[in-house]
Protein backbone atom coordinates (compact mmCIF):
# COMPACT_ATOMS: atom_id res chain seq x y z
CA MET A 1 -20.74 -7.82 32.20
CA ALA A 2 -18.22 -9.89 30.11
CA SER A 3 -14.45 -9.44 30.52
CA LYS A 4 -11.83 -9.62 27.57
CA ARG A 5 -10.68 -12.90 29.22
CA HIS A 6 -14.22 -14.22 28.95
CA LEU A 7 -14.52 -12.99 25.20
CA ARG A 8 -11.41 -14.79 24.46
CA ALA A 9 -12.40 -17.92 26.00
CA LEU A 10 -15.83 -17.72 24.13
CA GLU A 11 -14.15 -17.20 20.89
CA VAL A 12 -11.62 -20.12 21.31
CA LEU A 13 -14.74 -22.16 22.29
CA HIS A 14 -16.57 -21.18 19.20
CA GLN A 15 -13.62 -21.98 17.12
CA ILE A 16 -13.33 -25.55 18.73
CA LYS A 17 -17.16 -25.83 18.02
CA ASP A 18 -16.82 -24.83 14.40
CA HIS A 19 -14.06 -27.34 13.91
CA GLU A 20 -15.99 -30.18 15.45
CA LEU A 21 -19.11 -28.99 13.34
CA GLN A 22 -16.80 -29.48 10.25
CA ASP A 23 -15.44 -32.75 11.39
CA VAL A 24 -18.90 -34.41 12.08
CA SER A 25 -20.24 -32.89 8.74
CA GLN A 26 -17.37 -34.70 6.90
CA SER A 27 -18.10 -37.91 8.54
CA VAL A 28 -21.56 -37.74 7.77
CA ARG A 29 -20.85 -37.13 4.07
CA ALA A 30 -18.35 -39.87 4.19
CA LEU A 31 -20.85 -42.39 5.62
CA LEU A 32 -23.69 -41.27 3.12
CA THR A 33 -21.08 -41.58 0.22
CA ARG A 34 -19.93 -44.96 1.24
CA GLN A 35 -23.60 -46.31 1.86
CA ALA A 36 -24.62 -44.85 -1.35
CA SER A 37 -21.74 -46.85 -3.06
CA LEU A 38 -22.84 -49.91 -1.34
CA GLU A 39 -26.31 -49.57 -2.36
CA ARG A 40 -25.17 -49.26 -6.11
CA GLU A 41 -22.99 -52.34 -5.83
CA ARG A 42 -26.04 -54.21 -4.34
CA GLU A 43 -28.28 -52.95 -7.10
CA SER A 44 -25.74 -53.93 -9.66
CA LEU A 45 -25.47 -57.53 -8.25
CA ASP A 46 -29.18 -57.69 -8.53
CA ALA A 47 -28.97 -56.63 -12.03
CA LEU A 48 -26.25 -59.08 -12.90
CA ALA A 49 -28.19 -61.99 -11.22
CA ARG A 50 -31.18 -61.36 -13.51
CA GLN A 51 -28.86 -60.96 -16.44
CA GLU A 52 -27.14 -64.37 -15.72
CA ALA A 53 -30.49 -66.02 -15.02
CA GLU A 54 -31.93 -64.74 -18.41
CA ASN A 55 -28.75 -65.29 -20.47
CA CYS A 56 -27.57 -68.61 -19.03
CA PRO A 57 -27.04 -71.25 -21.65
CA PRO A 58 -28.75 -74.59 -20.81
CA GLU A 59 -25.36 -76.46 -20.32
CA MET A 60 -24.45 -74.00 -17.64
CA ARG A 61 -27.55 -74.07 -15.70
CA GLU A 62 -26.20 -76.58 -13.15
CA TYR A 63 -23.69 -74.05 -12.01
CA LEU A 64 -26.11 -71.04 -12.07
CA VAL A 65 -27.71 -72.07 -8.85
CA SER A 66 -24.32 -71.86 -7.10
CA TYR A 67 -23.40 -68.78 -8.76
CA LEU A 68 -26.53 -67.09 -7.84
CA GLN A 69 -26.33 -68.23 -4.36
CA GLN A 70 -23.05 -66.55 -4.02
CA LEU A 71 -24.47 -63.35 -5.47
CA SER A 72 -27.33 -63.46 -2.88
CA LYS A 73 -24.81 -63.97 -0.17
CA ARG A 74 -22.88 -60.91 -1.33
CA GLN A 75 -26.10 -58.95 -1.45
CA ALA A 76 -27.06 -59.96 2.11
CA GLU A 77 -23.72 -58.93 3.21
CA LEU A 78 -23.92 -55.54 1.56
CA SER A 79 -27.56 -55.14 3.01
CA ALA A 80 -26.13 -55.72 6.43
CA LEU A 81 -23.43 -53.21 5.76
CA ILE A 82 -25.66 -50.84 4.62
CA ASP A 83 -27.96 -51.15 7.69
CA ASN A 84 -25.12 -50.58 9.94
CA MET A 85 -23.87 -47.56 8.13
CA HIS A 86 -27.49 -46.25 7.99
CA ALA A 87 -27.56 -46.50 11.94
CA GLU A 88 -23.88 -44.74 12.14
CA ALA A 89 -25.26 -41.96 9.77
CA GLU A 90 -28.22 -41.47 12.02
CA THR A 91 -25.89 -41.13 15.02
CA ALA A 92 -23.57 -38.93 13.14
CA GLN A 93 -26.47 -36.69 12.11
CA THR A 94 -27.75 -36.46 15.59
CA GLN A 95 -24.20 -35.34 16.52
CA LEU A 96 -23.88 -32.89 13.73
CA SER A 97 -27.45 -31.38 14.66
CA GLU A 98 -26.21 -31.07 18.20
CA ALA A 99 -22.71 -29.57 17.28
CA PHE A 100 -24.80 -27.22 15.09
CA VAL A 101 -26.83 -25.87 18.07
CA GLU A 102 -23.97 -25.54 20.30
CA SER A 103 -22.08 -23.65 17.83
CA LYS A 104 -24.90 -21.30 17.09
CA THR A 105 -25.38 -20.97 21.04
CA ILE A 106 -21.77 -20.01 21.54
CA ALA A 107 -22.00 -17.70 18.53
CA HIS A 108 -24.93 -16.02 20.11
CA LEU A 109 -23.11 -15.87 23.41
CA LEU A 110 -19.94 -14.37 21.61
CA ASP A 111 -22.18 -11.77 20.11
CA THR A 112 -23.67 -10.86 23.35
CA ALA A 113 -20.37 -10.55 25.20
CA ARG A 114 -18.96 -8.29 22.37
CA ALA A 115 -22.02 -6.08 22.57
CA GLU A 116 -21.64 -5.96 26.38
CA LEU A 117 -18.02 -5.03 25.97
CA ARG A 118 -18.84 -2.40 23.27
CA ASP A 119 -21.47 -0.94 25.66
CA ALA A 120 -19.09 -0.82 28.65
CA LEU A 121 -16.38 0.75 26.67
CA ARG A 122 -18.91 3.52 25.36
CA ALA A 123 -20.29 4.06 28.95
CA ARG A 124 -16.76 4.42 30.18
CA GLU A 125 -15.81 6.78 27.57
CA ALA A 126 -19.02 8.76 28.13
CA ALA A 127 -18.19 8.97 31.86
CA GLU A 128 -14.83 10.09 31.02
CA ALA A 129 -16.08 12.67 28.75
CA TYR A 130 -18.52 13.90 31.45
CA GLU A 131 -15.70 14.10 34.08
CA ALA A 132 -13.50 16.20 31.78
CA ALA A 133 -16.38 18.46 31.17
CA VAL A 134 -17.02 18.79 34.83
CA ARG A 135 -13.40 19.48 35.51
CA SER A 136 -13.32 22.04 32.58
CA VAL A 137 -16.30 23.88 34.02
CA LYS A 138 -14.74 23.70 37.52
CA THR A 139 -11.47 25.15 36.06
CA ASP A 140 -13.40 27.84 34.09
CA ARG A 141 -15.07 28.90 37.35
CA ASP A 142 -11.95 29.07 39.38
């Protein structure tokens, strides 16, 4: 049977896990948002490179190669950052799943402990009522 102290400990633990769940969830959202931003930047650089290659006047062609190399270098940097963020996001999503399972497990334990306390209280009240009835019958007999 769960005690009130046990119930309170579970309540505190549940609050902690819910807070952890929110923190990890925010981290996942932030990582995914940043990753999407980097992907958009990489795509815009790709579009810019195509546009510059198509629209470059002949007198500027000698500088175009260097410019396109710099764009390509930046795209590679962005790709590396995106790959790293993807790995971080996977780790964070795993943590999110684990925190969710833990939170739900604790919530179930908390519900069970509350039900046990409620049942124990009802049993105690029923026993007290029975004892009062027995005393009343004994008093009436005397």
